[in-house]
Amino acid sequence: MRLLAIADPHLSSVSPKPMDIFGGNWRGHPQVFFEQWRKTVNEDDVVIVAGDISWGLRLQDALPDLQDIAALPGKKIILRGNHDYWWGSIGKVRAGLPPRMHAIQNDSLLIGRTAILGSRGWTSPGSDDFGAEDEKIYQRELERLRLGVRSLIGKSYDRLVLALHFPPTNGMFEASGFTKIIEELQPDAVVYGHLHGVSPTRVLREWKGVPLHFVAADAVHFKPQVILETL
């Protein structure tokens, strides 16, 4: 049983939304995404889908995309991205999810001897046009991640994975509240996405010894990436 991750599938079966404004590699990307998943993921694997899952505006609009992912091999762990407008209260989201799909928000999940927690994250201070509204959302997402950290109290695990949608720093790779939590937790891995059209060689790959995995779908050729070989 392995842990894999991918972010930003940007599916839109109810209201098709072309993604090729981000590059020609996005043409027909849903088919590539599903094909690569089936080639890569085994039934007993676990896959983190780190946000920007569906363009649906309501849960009922996103459900066809969620069901298509649920029908793929493996158990799925999802978290919210900035374009997941359908993601309302966590109770309603969890109640509507297909089987073998779990949503993380304000908590953590234990699978085998591995604990997984996460947050949408947000634009970090020091980014261009970072304003008062960004500060409010940034602080809210930090608190959600802290709730996830507190949910680990009393749990027994050997490895820890932290999942974010946004990168944990601004574009200058400066420290943030998210990197502070990474330093405190010392997880075995951090996964994140959100960035499009950037070279995988020009993104943050570690923070003070903690490995960071950039798994935006277009950057990894729509193929889920192995994070841990065993859970």
Foldseek 3Di string as FASTA:
>chain_A
DFEWEAEALADQPPHDDQDCVLPPLRVVSVVQLQVQLQVADAQAYEYEYAENQYQDQAPVRCQVSLVSVVPHHHAYEYEYEPNPNRDDDLVVVQVSGDPSYHYAWLAWDDDPQEIEHEFQAAAFPPAPPCDPVRVVVNVVRLNRRVSHVVNCVPPGHDFYEYEYADDCYHLVPDHGSSLVVCVVVVGQEYEYENDTNDAPVRDDQDRPPRGYHYRHCVNVSSHIGTDGPDD
